[in-house]
Amino acid sequence: MRLAHSLQGIVSINMIHLSKWSCTVALFIQSGKLFKKGQFLILYGPFKINNKHTSESNYFFDNSLKMKNDLWGIKNLEEVCYESKKYSFYQEDIIGMPANNFSVIYRKVS
């Protein structure tokens, strides 16, 4: 497969808060199958840290998402990181971004 040979990493923007938890898990599973050691997965969007919103606007945004679909919502960063480790990723960096978002960089360990 040509894609697998040229793949360097994956950037997922505003996906995991607009989907159910199983989609986050599937992202790590499938990335883990495609990736070689050292390749990256970047998640961009809002996160809760220590199960707390990082801003009042994120709190209101999270509630509006859950009103549309109770399986959606801003994920807790520690839970995402814990899940990543199950599929041989480690959290390399967290970068604060505009509008109370983060870029979270994961690397494939093996």
PDB file of N, CA and C in Angstrom:
ATOM      1  N   MET A   1       0.843  -1.175   0.000  1.00  0.00           N
ATOM      2  CA  MET A   1       0.000   0.000   0.000  1.00  0.00           C
ATOM      3  C   MET A   1       0.892   1.243   0.000  1.00  0.00           C
ATOM      4  N   ARG A   2       0.699   2.102  -0.913  1.00  0.00           N
ATOM      5  CA  ARG A   2       1.540   3.285  -1.089  1.00  0.00           C
ATOM      6  C   ARG A   2       1.428   4.250   0.097  1.00  0.00           C
ATOM      7  N   LEU A   3       0.242   4.465   0.633  1.00  0.00           N
ATOM      8  CA  LEU A   3       0.031   5.379   1.748  1.00  0.00           C
ATOM      9  C   LEU A   3       0.885   4.978   2.952  1.00  0.00           C
ATOM     10  N   ALA A   4       0.895   3.724   3.292  1.00  0.00           N
ATOM     11  CA  ALA A   4       1.648   3.268   4.455  1.00  0.00           C
ATOM     12  C   ALA A   4       3.132   3.556   4.320  1.00  0.00           C
ATOM     13  N   HIS A   5       3.664   3.537   3.110  1.00  0.00           N
ATOM     14  CA  HIS A   5       5.086   3.794   2.911  1.00  0.00           C
ATOM     15  C   HIS A   5       5.426   5.274   3.012  1.00  0.00           C
ATOM     16  N   SER A   6       4.482   6.148   2.699  1.00  0.00           N
ATOM     17  CA  SER A   6       4.768   7.581   2.709  1.00  0.00           C
ATOM     18  C   SER A   6       4.265   8.290   3.970  1.00  0.00           C
ATOM     19  N   LEU A   7       3.504   7.615   4.778  1.00  0.00           N
ATOM     20  CA  LEU A   7       2.923   8.216   5.975  1.00  0.00           C
ATOM     21  C   LEU A   7       4.004   8.633   6.968  1.00  0.00           C
ATOM     22  N   GLN A   8       3.954   9.892   7.402  1.00  0.00           N
ATOM     23  CA  GLN A   8       4.884  10.394   8.415  1.00  0.00           C
ATOM     24  C   GLN A   8       4.181  10.592   9.754  1.00  0.00           C
ATOM     25  N   GLY A   9       2.916  10.904   9.699  1.00  0.00           N
ATOM     26  CA  GLY A   9       2.150  11.147  10.913  1.00  0.00           C
ATOM     27  C   GLY A   9       0.717  11.496  10.552  1.00  0.00           C
ATOM     28  N   ILE A  10      -0.080  11.718  11.584  1.00  0.00           N
ATOM     29  CA  ILE A  10      -1.485  12.076  11.408  1.00  0.00           C
ATOM     30  C   ILE A  10      -1.778  13.265  12.308  1.00  0.00           C
ATOM     31  N   VAL A  11      -2.525  14.231  11.761  1.00  0.00           N
ATOM     32  CA  VAL A  11      -3.004  15.369  12.536  1.00  0.00           C
ATOM     33  C   VAL A  11      -4.532  15.275  12.568  1.00  0.00           C
ATOM     34  N   SER A  12      -5.079  15.211  13.766  1.00  0.00           N
ATOM     35  CA  SER A  12      -6.525  15.127  13.946  1.00  0.00           C
ATOM     36  C   SER A  12      -6.999  16.426  14.598  1.00  0.00           C
ATOM     37  N   ILE A  13      -7.752  17.205  13.851  1.00  0.00           N
ATOM     38  CA  ILE A  13      -8.187  18.523  14.310  1.00  0.00           C
ATOM     39  C   ILE A  13      -9.671  18.494  14.671  1.00  0.00           C
ATOM     40  N   ASN A  14      -9.968  18.881  15.896  1.00  0.00           N
ATOM     41  CA  ASN A  14     -11.360  19.006  16.377  1.00  0.00           C
ATOM     42  C   ASN A  14     -12.193  17.755  16.124  1.00  0.00           C
ATOM     43  N   MET A  15     -11.602  16.600  16.332  1.00  0.00           N
ATOM     44  CA  MET A  15     -12.336  15.357  16.118  1.00  0.00           C
ATOM     45  C   MET A  15     -12.848  14.754  17.416  1.00  0.00           C
ATOM     46  N   ILE A  16     -11.966  14.621  18.408  1.00  0.00           N
ATOM     47  CA  ILE A  16     -12.360  13.744  19.515  1.00  0.00           C
ATOM     48  C   ILE A  16     -13.452  14.333  20.404  1.00  0.00           C
ATOM     49  N   HIS A  17     -13.599  15.642  20.459  1.00  0.00           N
ATOM     50  CA  HIS A  17     -14.693  16.191  21.264  1.00  0.00           C
ATOM     51  C   HIS A  17     -16.028  16.138  20.513  1.00  0.00           C
ATOM     52  N   LEU A  18     -15.968  15.917  19.197  1.00  0.00           N
ATOM     53  CA  LEU A  18     -17.186  15.814  18.390  1.00  0.00           C
ATOM     54  C   LEU A  18     -17.513  14.366  18.036  1.00  0.00           C
ATOM     55  N   SER A  19     -17.046  13.450  18.864  1.00  0.00           N
ATOM     56  CA  SER A  19     -17.307  12.030  18.624  1.00  0.00           C
ATOM     57  C   SER A  19     -17.350  11.296  19.951  1.00  0.00           C
ATOM     58  N   LYS A  20     -17.855  10.095  19.903  1.00  0.00           N
ATOM     59  CA  LYS A  20     -17.913   9.299  21.133  1.00  0.00           C
ATOM     60  C   LYS A  20     -16.528   8.742  21.460  1.00  0.00           C
ATOM     61  N   TRP A  21     -16.352   8.291  22.674  1.00  0.00           N
ATOM     62  CA  TRP A  21     -15.063   7.825  23.174  1.00  0.00           C
ATOM     63  C   TRP A  21     -14.492   6.714  22.295  1.00  0.00           C
ATOM     64  N   SER A  22     -15.317   5.836  21.786  1.00  0.00           N
ATOM     65  CA  SER A  22     -14.815   4.725  20.968  1.00  0.00           C
ATOM     66  C   SER A  22     -14.086   5.231  19.715  1.00  0.00           C
ATOM     67  N   CYS A  23     -14.409   6.411  19.236  1.00  0.00           N
ATOM     68  CA  CYS A  23     -13.695   6.983  18.086  1.00  0.00           C
ATOM     69  C   CYS A  23     -12.280   7.395  18.482  1.00  0.00           C
ATOM     70  N   THR A  24     -12.116   7.900  19.692  1.00  0.00           N
ATOM     71  CA  THR A  24     -10.778   8.229  20.192  1.00  0.00           C
ATOM     72  C   THR A  24      -9.941   6.963  20.290  1.00  0.00           C
ATOM     73  N   VAL A  25     -10.532   5.920  20.840  1.00  0.00           N
ATOM     74  CA  VAL A  25      -9.834   4.635  20.952  1.00  0.00           C
ATOM     75  C   VAL A  25      -9.460   4.123  19.565  1.00  0.00           C
ATOM     76  N   ALA A  26     -10.394   4.174  18.629  1.00  0.00           N
ATOM     77  CA  ALA A  26     -10.134   3.696  17.266  1.00  0.00           C
ATOM     78  C   ALA A  26      -9.021   4.499  16.591  1.00  0.00           C
ATOM     79  N   LEU A  27      -8.945   5.783  16.868  1.00  0.00           N
ATOM     80  CA  LEU A  27      -7.874   6.604  16.297  1.00  0.00           C
ATOM     81  C   LEU A  27      -6.508   6.091  16.746  1.00  0.00           C
ATOM     82  N   PHE A  28      -6.368   5.764  18.025  1.00  0.00           N
ATOM     83  CA  PHE A  28      -5.100   5.217  18.520  1.00  0.00           C
ATOM     84  C   PHE A  28      -4.849   3.807  17.988  1.00  0.00           C
ATOM     85  N   ILE A  29      -5.867   2.985  17.943  1.00  0.00           N
ATOM     86  CA  ILE A  29      -5.696   1.610  17.426  1.00  0.00           C
ATOM     87  C   ILE A  29      -5.222   1.636  15.982  1.00  0.00           C
ATOM     88  N   GLN A  30      -5.937   2.366  15.134  1.00  0.00           N
ATOM     89  CA  GLN A  30      -5.607   2.364  13.709  1.00  0.00           C
ATOM     90  C   GLN A  30      -4.285   3.079  13.430  1.00  0.00           C
ATOM     91  N   SER A  31      -4.018   4.165  14.141  1.00  0.00           N
ATOM     92  CA  SER A  31      -2.723   4.841  13.981  1.00  0.00           C
ATOM     93  C   SER A  31      -1.595   3.907  14.398  1.00  0.00           C
ATOM     94  N   GLY A  32      -1.818   3.195  15.486  1.00  0.00           N
ATOM     95  CA  GLY A  32      -0.809   2.249  15.963  1.00  0.00           C
ATOM     96  C   GLY A  32      -0.517   1.151  14.960  1.00  0.00           C
ATOM     97  N   LYS A  33      -1.523   0.733  14.207  1.00  0.00           N
ATOM     98  CA  LYS A  33      -1.327  -0.294  13.186  1.00  0.00           C
ATOM     99  C   LYS A  33      -0.538   0.246  11.993  1.00  0.00           C
ATOM    100  N   LEU A  34      -0.759   1.511  11.655  1.00  0.00           N
ATOM    101  CA  LEU A  34      -0.101   2.111  10.493  1.00  0.00           C
ATOM    102  C   LEU A  34       1.310   2.608  10.776  1.00  0.00           C
ATOM    103  N   PHE A  35       1.540   3.045  12.014  1.00  0.00           N
ATOM    104  CA  PHE A  35       2.781   3.740  12.339  1.00  0.00           C
ATOM    105  C   PHE A  35       3.951   2.814  12.610  1.00  0.00           C
ATOM    106  N   LYS A  36       5.115   3.351  12.279  1.00  0.00           N
ATOM    107  CA  LYS A  36       6.380   2.761  12.697  1.00  0.00           C
ATOM    108  C   LYS A  36       6.867   3.560  13.900  1.00  0.00           C
ATOM    109  N   LYS A  37       7.852   3.042  14.565  1.00  0.00           N
ATOM    110  CA  LYS A  37       8.426   3.714  15.730  1.00  0.00           C
ATOM    111  C   LYS A  37       8.819   5.155  15.376  1.00  0.00           C
ATOM    112  N   GLY A  38       8.439   6.095  16.244  1.00  0.00           N
ATOM    113  CA  GLY A  38       8.811   7.489  16.083  1.00  0.00           C
ATOM    114  C   GLY A  38       7.826   8.353  15.324  1.00  0.00           C
ATOM    115  N   GLN A  39       6.857   7.751  14.658  1.00  0.00           N
ATOM    116  CA  GLN A  39       5.894   8.556  13.917  1.00  0.00           C
ATOM    117  C   GLN A  39       4.906   9.212  14.893  1.00  0.00           C
ATOM    118  N   PHE A  40       4.292  10.312  14.450  1.00  0.00           N
ATOM    119  CA  PHE A  40       3.510  11.136  15.368  1.00  0.00           C
ATOM    120  C   PHE A  40       2.019  11.148  15.055  1.00  0.00           C
ATOM    121  N   LEU A  41       1.269  11.373  16.116  1.00  0.00           N
ATOM    122  CA  LEU A  41      -0.159  11.642  16.044  1.00  0.00           C
ATOM    123  C   LEU A  41      -0.373  12.929  16.834  1.00  0.00           C
ATOM    124  N   ILE A  42      -0.930  13.941  16.183  1.00  0.00           N
ATOM    125  CA  ILE A  42      -1.209  15.210  16.849  1.00  0.00           C
ATOM    126  C   ILE A  42      -2.718  15.374  16.975  1.00  0.00           C
ATOM    127  N   LEU A  43      -3.160  15.629  18.180  1.00  0.00           N
ATOM    128  CA  LEU A  43      -4.561  15.933  18.437  1.00  0.00           C
ATOM    129  C   LEU A  43      -4.665  17.422  18.730  1.00  0.00           C
ATOM    130  N   TYR A  44      -5.567  18.101  18.034  1.00  0.00           N
ATOM    131  CA  TYR A  44      -5.778  19.529  18.242  1.00  0.00           C
ATOM    132  C   TYR A  44      -7.219  19.751  18.654  1.00  0.00           C
ATOM    133  N   GLY A  45      -7.404  20.538  19.700  1.00  0.00           N
ATOM    134  CA  GLY A  45      -8.745  20.888  20.134  1.00  0.00           C
ATOM    135  C   GLY A  45      -8.769  21.204  21.612  1.00  0.00           C
ATOM    136  N   PRO A  46      -9.967  21.360  22.181  1.00  0.00           N
ATOM    137  CA  PRO A  46     -10.083  21.624  23.612  1.00  0.00           C
ATOM    138  C   PRO A  46      -9.961  20.331  24.419  1.00  0.00           C
ATOM    139  N   PHE A  47      -9.417  20.447  25.599  1.00  0.00           N
ATOM    140  CA  PHE A  47      -9.302  19.320  26.526  1.00  0.00           C
ATOM    141  C   PHE A  47      -9.595  19.814  27.935  1.00  0.00           C
ATOM    142  N   LYS A  48     -10.091  18.920  28.767  1.00  0.00           N
ATOM    143  CA  LYS A  48     -10.126  19.187  30.197  1.00  0.00           C
ATOM    144  C   LYS A  48      -8.790  18.708  30.753  1.00  0.00           C
ATOM    145  N   ILE A  49      -8.297  19.370  31.781  1.00  0.00           N
ATOM    146  CA  ILE A  49      -7.071  18.943  32.450  1.00  0.00           C
ATOM    147  C   ILE A  49      -7.412  18.689  33.912  1.00  0.00           C
ATOM    148  N   ASN A  50      -7.030  17.514  34.388  1.00  0.00           N
ATOM    149  CA  ASN A  50      -7.434  17.072  35.732  1.00  0.00           C
ATOM    150  C   ASN A  50      -8.952  17.147  35.883  1.00  0.00           C
ATOM    151  N   ASN A  51      -9.633  16.784  34.809  1.00  0.00           N
ATOM    152  CA  ASN A  51     -11.090  16.730  34.742  1.00  0.00           C
ATOM    153  C   ASN A  51     -11.756  18.094  34.955  1.00  0.00           C
ATOM    154  N   LYS A  52     -11.005  19.174  34.678  1.00  0.00           N
ATOM    155  CA  LYS A  52     -11.545  20.528  34.810  1.00  0.00           C
ATOM    156  C   LYS A  52     -11.367  21.266  33.488  1.00  0.00           C
ATOM    157  N   HIS A  53     -12.362  22.046  33.159  1.00  0.00           N
ATOM    158  CA  HIS A  53     -12.277  22.865  31.948  1.00  0.00           C
ATOM    159  C   HIS A  53     -11.203  23.929  32.130  1.00  0.00           C
ATOM    160  N   THR A  54     -10.547  24.268  31.041  1.00  0.00           N
ATOM    161  CA  THR A  54      -9.474  25.262  31.096  1.00  0.00           C
ATOM    162  C   THR A  54     -10.000  26.682  30.922  1.00  0.00           C
ATOM    163  N   SER A  55     -11.284  26.815  30.628  1.00  0.00           N
ATOM    164  CA  SER A  55     -11.893  28.139  30.499  1.00  0.00           C
ATOM    165  C   SER A  55     -13.404  28.012  30.660  1.00  0.00           C
ATOM    166  N   GLU A  56     -14.021  29.123  30.982  1.00  0.00           N
ATOM    167  CA  GLU A  56     -15.471  29.152  31.101  1.00  0.00           C
ATOM    168  C   GLU A  56     -16.129  28.879  29.746  1.00  0.00           C
ATOM    169  N   SER A  57     -15.532  29.396  28.674  1.00  0.00           N
ATOM    170  CA  SER A  57     -16.108  29.176  27.337  1.00  0.00           C
ATOM    171  C   SER A  57     -16.072  27.693  26.963  1.00  0.00           C
ATOM    172  N   ASN A  58     -15.030  26.978  27.372  1.00  0.00           N
ATOM    173  CA  ASN A  58     -14.981  25.538  27.102  1.00  0.00           C
ATOM    174  C   ASN A  58     -16.058  24.791  27.886  1.00  0.00           C
ATOM    175  N   TYR A  59     -16.336  25.242  29.087  1.00  0.00           N
ATOM    176  CA  TYR A  59     -17.412  24.654  29.888  1.00  0.00           C
ATOM    177  C   TYR A  59     -18.745  24.763  29.140  1.00  0.00           C
ATOM    178  N   PHE A  60     -19.054  25.958  28.656  1.00  0.00           N
ATOM    179  CA  PHE A  60     -20.306  26.163  27.935  1.00  0.00           C
ATOM    180  C   PHE A  60     -20.322  25.405  26.606  1.00  0.00           C
ATOM    181  N   PHE A  61     -19.187  25.368  25.927  1.00  0.00           N
ATOM    182  CA  PHE A  61     -19.076  24.618  24.674  1.00  0.00           C
ATOM    183  C   PHE A  61     -19.315  23.132  24.919  1.00  0.00           C
ATOM    184  N   ASP A  62     -18.711  22.590  25.966  1.00  0.00           N
ATOM    185  CA  ASP A  62     -18.885  21.179  26.323  1.00  0.00           C
ATOM    186  C   ASP A  62     -20.359  20.867  26.578  1.00  0.00           C
ATOM    187  N   ASN A  63     -21.018  21.719  27.328  1.00  0.00           N
ATOM    188  CA  ASN A  63     -22.445  21.501  27.603  1.00  0.00           C
ATOM    189  C   ASN A  63     -23.280  21.561  26.337  1.00  0.00           C
ATOM    190  N   SER A  64     -22.948  22.468  25.420  1.00  0.00           N
ATOM    191  CA  SER A  64     -23.706  22.558  24.165  1.00  0.00           C
ATOM    192  C   SER A  64     -23.508  21.305  23.309  1.00  0.00           C
ATOM    193  N   LEU A  65     -22.290  20.748  23.329  1.00  0.00           N
ATOM    194  CA  LEU A  65     -22.046  19.503  22.593  1.00  0.00           C
ATOM    195  C   LEU A  65     -22.872  18.361  23.172  1.00  0.00           C
ATOM    196  N   LYS A  66     -22.887  18.249  24.481  1.00  0.00           N
ATOM    197  CA  LYS A  66     -23.627  17.161  25.141  1.00  0.00           C
ATOM    198  C   LYS A  66     -25.132  17.286  24.950  1.00  0.00           C
ATOM    199  N   MET A  67     -25.609  18.510  24.753  1.00  0.00           N
ATOM    200  CA  MET A  67     -27.040  18.686  24.465  1.00  0.00           C
ATOM    201  C   MET A  67     -27.384  18.150  23.078  1.00  0.00           C
ATOM    202  N   LYS A  68     -26.442  18.219  22.145  1.00  0.00           N
ATOM    203  CA  LYS A  68     -26.656  17.692  20.799  1.00  0.00           C
ATOM    204  C   LYS A  68     -26.532  16.177  20.767  1.00  0.00           C
ATOM    205  N   ASN A  69     -25.574  15.665  21.538  1.00  0.00           N
ATOM    206  CA  ASN A  69     -25.332  14.218  21.592  1.00  0.00           C
ATOM    207  C   ASN A  69     -24.620  13.932  22.899  1.00  0.00           C
ATOM    208  N   ASP A  70     -25.240  13.169  23.767  1.00  0.00           N
ATOM    209  CA  ASP A  70     -24.652  12.949  25.097  1.00  0.00           C
ATOM    210  C   ASP A  70     -23.367  12.117  25.068  1.00  0.00           C
ATOM    211  N   LEU A  71     -22.986  11.584  23.913  1.00  0.00           N
ATOM    212  CA  LEU A  71     -21.716  10.853  23.786  1.00  0.00           C
ATOM    213  C   LEU A  71     -20.575  11.766  23.354  1.00  0.00           C
ATOM    214  N   TRP A  72     -20.905  12.998  22.988  1.00  0.00           N
ATOM    215  CA  TRP A  72     -19.893  13.965  22.596  1.00  0.00           C
ATOM    216  C   TRP A  72     -19.418  14.723  23.827  1.00  0.00           C
ATOM    217  N   GLY A  73     -18.361  15.478  23.657  1.00  0.00           N
ATOM    218  CA  GLY A  73     -17.909  16.350  24.732  1.00  0.00           C
ATOM    219  C   GLY A  73     -16.401  16.424  24.818  1.00  0.00           C
ATOM    220  N   ILE A  74     -15.943  17.452  25.523  1.00  0.00           N
ATOM    221  CA  ILE A  74     -14.514  17.667  25.702  1.00  0.00           C
ATOM    222  C   ILE A  74     -13.957  16.560  26.583  1.00  0.00           C
ATOM    223  N   LYS A  75     -12.894  15.933  26.101  1.00  0.00           N
ATOM    224  CA  LYS A  75     -12.292  14.799  26.802  1.00  0.00           C
ATOM    225  C   LYS A  75     -11.252  15.272  27.817  1.00  0.00           C
ATOM    226  N   ASN A  76     -11.080  14.457  28.851  1.00  0.00           N
ATOM    227  CA  ASN A  76     -10.069  14.704  29.865  1.00  0.00           C
ATOM    228  C   ASN A  76      -8.711  14.260  29.316  1.00  0.00           C
ATOM    229  N   LEU A  77      -7.748  15.166  29.297  1.00  0.00           N
ATOM    230  CA  LEU A  77      -6.447  14.888  28.695  1.00  0.00           C
ATOM    231  C   LEU A  77      -5.765  13.682  29.332  1.00  0.00           C
ATOM    232  N   GLU A  78      -5.884  13.527  30.624  1.00  0.00           N
ATOM    233  CA  GLU A  78      -5.229  12.391  31.288  1.00  0.00           C
ATOM    234  C   GLU A  78      -5.814  11.060  30.829  1.00  0.00           C
ATOM    235  N   GLU A  79      -7.109  11.016  30.567  1.00  0.00           N
ATOM    236  CA  GLU A  79      -7.730   9.783  30.068  1.00  0.00           C
ATOM    237  C   GLU A  79      -7.277   9.476  28.645  1.00  0.00           C
ATOM    238  N   VAL A  80      -7.137  10.508  27.836  1.00  0.00           N
ATOM    239  CA  VAL A  80      -6.657  10.323  26.463  1.00  0.00           C
ATOM    240  C   VAL A  80      -5.221   9.802  26.492  1.00  0.00           C
ATOM    241  N   CYS A  81      -4.396  10.391  27.348  1.00  0.00           N
ATOM    242  CA  CYS A  81      -3.004   9.955  27.460  1.00  0.00           C
ATOM    243  C   CYS A  81      -2.924   8.508  27.951  1.00  0.00           C
ATOM    244  N   TYR A  82      -3.737   8.152  28.931  1.00  0.00           N
ATOM    245  CA  TYR A  82      -3.770   6.776  29.432  1.00  0.00           C
ATOM    246  C   TYR A  82      -4.136   5.805  28.305  1.00  0.00           C
ATOM    247  N   GLU A  83      -5.110   6.193  27.504  1.00  0.00           N
ATOM    248  CA  GLU A  83      -5.526   5.346  26.378  1.00  0.00           C
ATOM    249  C   GLU A  83      -4.407   5.210  25.361  1.00  0.00           C
ATOM    250  N   SER A  84      -3.689   6.290  25.108  1.00  0.00           N
ATOM    251  CA  SER A  84      -2.610   6.260  24.112  1.00  0.00           C
ATOM    252  C   SER A  84      -1.539   5.246  24.480  1.00  0.00           C
ATOM    253  N   LYS A  85      -1.254   5.117  25.756  1.00  0.00           N
ATOM    254  CA  LYS A  85      -0.209   4.196  26.216  1.00  0.00           C
ATOM    255  C   LYS A  85      -0.560   2.742  25.923  1.00  0.00           C
ATOM    256  N   LYS A  86      -1.844   2.424  25.888  1.00  0.00           N
ATOM    257  CA  LYS A  86      -2.284   1.055  25.583  1.00  0.00           C
ATOM    258  C   LYS A  86      -1.865   0.626  24.178  1.00  0.00           C
ATOM    259  N   TYR A  87      -1.641   1.618  23.298  1.00  0.00           N
ATOM    260  CA  TYR A  87      -1.329   1.335  21.900  1.00  0.00           C
ATOM    261  C   TYR A  87       0.062   1.819  21.520  1.00  0.00           C
ATOM    262  N   SER A  88       0.946   1.838  22.523  1.00  0.00           N
ATOM    263  CA  SER A  88       2.379   2.124  22.337  1.00  0.00           C
ATOM    264  C   SER A  88       2.678   3.554  21.895  1.00  0.00           C
ATOM    265  N   PHE A  89       1.912   4.507  22.409  1.00  0.00           N
ATOM    266  CA  PHE A  89       2.201   5.916  22.182  1.00  0.00           C
ATOM    267  C   PHE A  89       2.621   6.553  23.500  1.00  0.00           C
ATOM    268  N   TYR A  90       3.455   7.565  23.416  1.00  0.00           N
ATOM    269  CA  TYR A  90       3.722   8.378  24.596  1.00  0.00           C
ATOM    270  C   TYR A  90       3.435   9.833  24.256  1.00  0.00           C
ATOM    271  N   GLN A  91       3.025  10.569  25.263  1.00  0.00           N
ATOM    272  CA  GLN A  91       2.709  11.990  25.084  1.00  0.00           C
ATOM    273  C   GLN A  91       4.011  12.767  25.109  1.00  0.00           C
ATOM    274  N   GLU A  92       4.380  13.308  23.968  1.00  0.00           N
ATOM    275  CA  GLU A  92       5.650  14.019  23.833  1.00  0.00           C
ATOM    276  C   GLU A  92       5.564  15.474  24.255  1.00  0.00           C
ATOM    277  N   ASP A  93       4.449  16.133  23.925  1.00  0.00           N
ATOM    278  CA  ASP A  93       4.354  17.556  24.230  1.00  0.00           C
ATOM    279  C   ASP A  93       2.896  17.989  24.241  1.00  0.00           C
ATOM    280  N   ILE A  94       2.643  19.061  24.983  1.00  0.00           N
ATOM    281  CA  ILE A  94       1.338  19.722  25.002  1.00  0.00           C
ATOM    282  C   ILE A  94       1.619  21.195  24.745  1.00  0.00           C
ATOM    283  N   ILE A  95       0.993  21.738  23.719  1.00  0.00           N
ATOM    284  CA  ILE A  95       1.235  23.128  23.338  1.00  0.00           C
ATOM    285  C   ILE A  95      -0.074  23.896  23.435  1.00  0.00           C
ATOM    286  N   GLY A  96      -0.083  24.947  24.257  1.00  0.00           N
ATOM    287  CA  GLY A  96      -1.258  25.800  24.344  1.00  0.00           C
ATOM    288  C   GLY A  96      -1.449  26.550  23.041  1.00  0.00           C
ATOM    289  N   MET A  97      -2.690  26.612  22.581  1.00  0.00           N
ATOM    290  CA  MET A  97      -3.032  27.241  21.314  1.00  0.00           C
ATOM    291  C   MET A  97      -4.119  28.300  21.551  1.00  0.00           C
ATOM    292  N   PRO A  98      -4.406  29.104  20.538  1.00  0.00           N
ATOM    293  CA  PRO A  98      -5.466  30.111  20.679  1.00  0.00           C
ATOM    294  C   PRO A  98      -6.826  29.480  20.988  1.00  0.00           C
ATOM    295  N   ALA A  99      -7.696  30.286  21.525  1.00  0.00           N
ATOM    296  CA  ALA A  99      -9.094  29.917  21.796  1.00  0.00           C
ATOM    297  C   ALA A  99      -9.215  28.726  22.744  1.00  0.00           C
ATOM    298  N   ASN A 100      -8.309  28.653  23.714  1.00  0.00           N
ATOM    299  CA  ASN A 100      -8.357  27.616  24.756  1.00  0.00           C
ATOM    300  C   ASN A 100      -8.250  26.198  24.208  1.00  0.00           C
ATOM    301  N   ASN A 101      -7.494  26.044  23.134  1.00  0.00           N
ATOM    302  CA  ASN A 101      -7.232  24.736  22.544  1.00  0.00           C
ATOM    303  C   ASN A 101      -5.795  24.313  22.850  1.00  0.00           C
ATOM    304  N   PHE A 102      -5.511  23.056  22.554  1.00  0.00           N
ATOM    305  CA  PHE A 102      -4.170  22.501  22.727  1.00  0.00           C
ATOM    306  C   PHE A 102      -3.806  21.666  21.512  1.00  0.00           C
ATOM    307  N   SER A 103      -2.523  21.615  21.217  1.00  0.00           N
ATOM    308  CA  SER A 103      -1.973  20.610  20.318  1.00  0.00           C
ATOM    309  C   SER A 103      -1.245  19.617  21.212  1.00  0.00           C
ATOM    310  N   VAL A 104      -1.656  18.371  21.146  1.00  0.00           N
ATOM    311  CA  VAL A 104      -1.053  17.323  21.959  1.00  0.00           C
ATOM    312  C   VAL A 104      -0.359  16.355  21.010  1.00  0.00           C
ATOM    313  N   ILE A 105       0.939  16.199  21.219  1.00  0.00           N
ATOM    314  CA  ILE A 105       1.759  15.392  20.308  1.00  0.00           C
ATOM    315  C   ILE A 105       2.062  14.054  20.964  1.00  0.00           C
ATOM    316  N   TYR A 106       1.709  12.987  20.267  1.00  0.00           N
ATOM    317  CA  TYR A 106       1.999  11.615  20.696  1.00  0.00           C
ATOM    318  C   TYR A 106       2.990  11.014  19.709  1.00  0.00           C
ATOM    319  N   ARG A 107       3.873  10.174  20.199  1.00  0.00           N
ATOM    320  CA  ARG A 107       4.830   9.438  19.358  1.00  0.00           C
ATOM    321  C   ARG A 107       4.640   7.947  19.584  1.00  0.00           C
ATOM    322  N   LYS A 108       4.794   7.215  18.516  1.00  0.00           N
ATOM    323  CA  LYS A 108       4.757   5.750  18.571  1.00  0.00           C
ATOM    324  C   LYS A 108       6.069   5.260  19.178  1.00  0.00           C
ATOM    325  N   VAL A 109       5.979   4.449  20.200  1.00  0.00           N
ATOM    326  CA  VAL A 109       7.160   3.958  20.919  1.00  0.00           C
ATOM    327  C   VAL A 109       7.787   2.768  20.197  1.00  0.00           C
ATOM    328  N   SER A 110       6.972   1.833  19.771  1.00  0.00           N
ATOM    329  CA  SER A 110       7.534   0.629  19.119  1.00  0.00           C
ATOM    330  C   SER A 110       6.690   0.214  17.931  1.00  0.00           C
TER     331      SER A 110
END
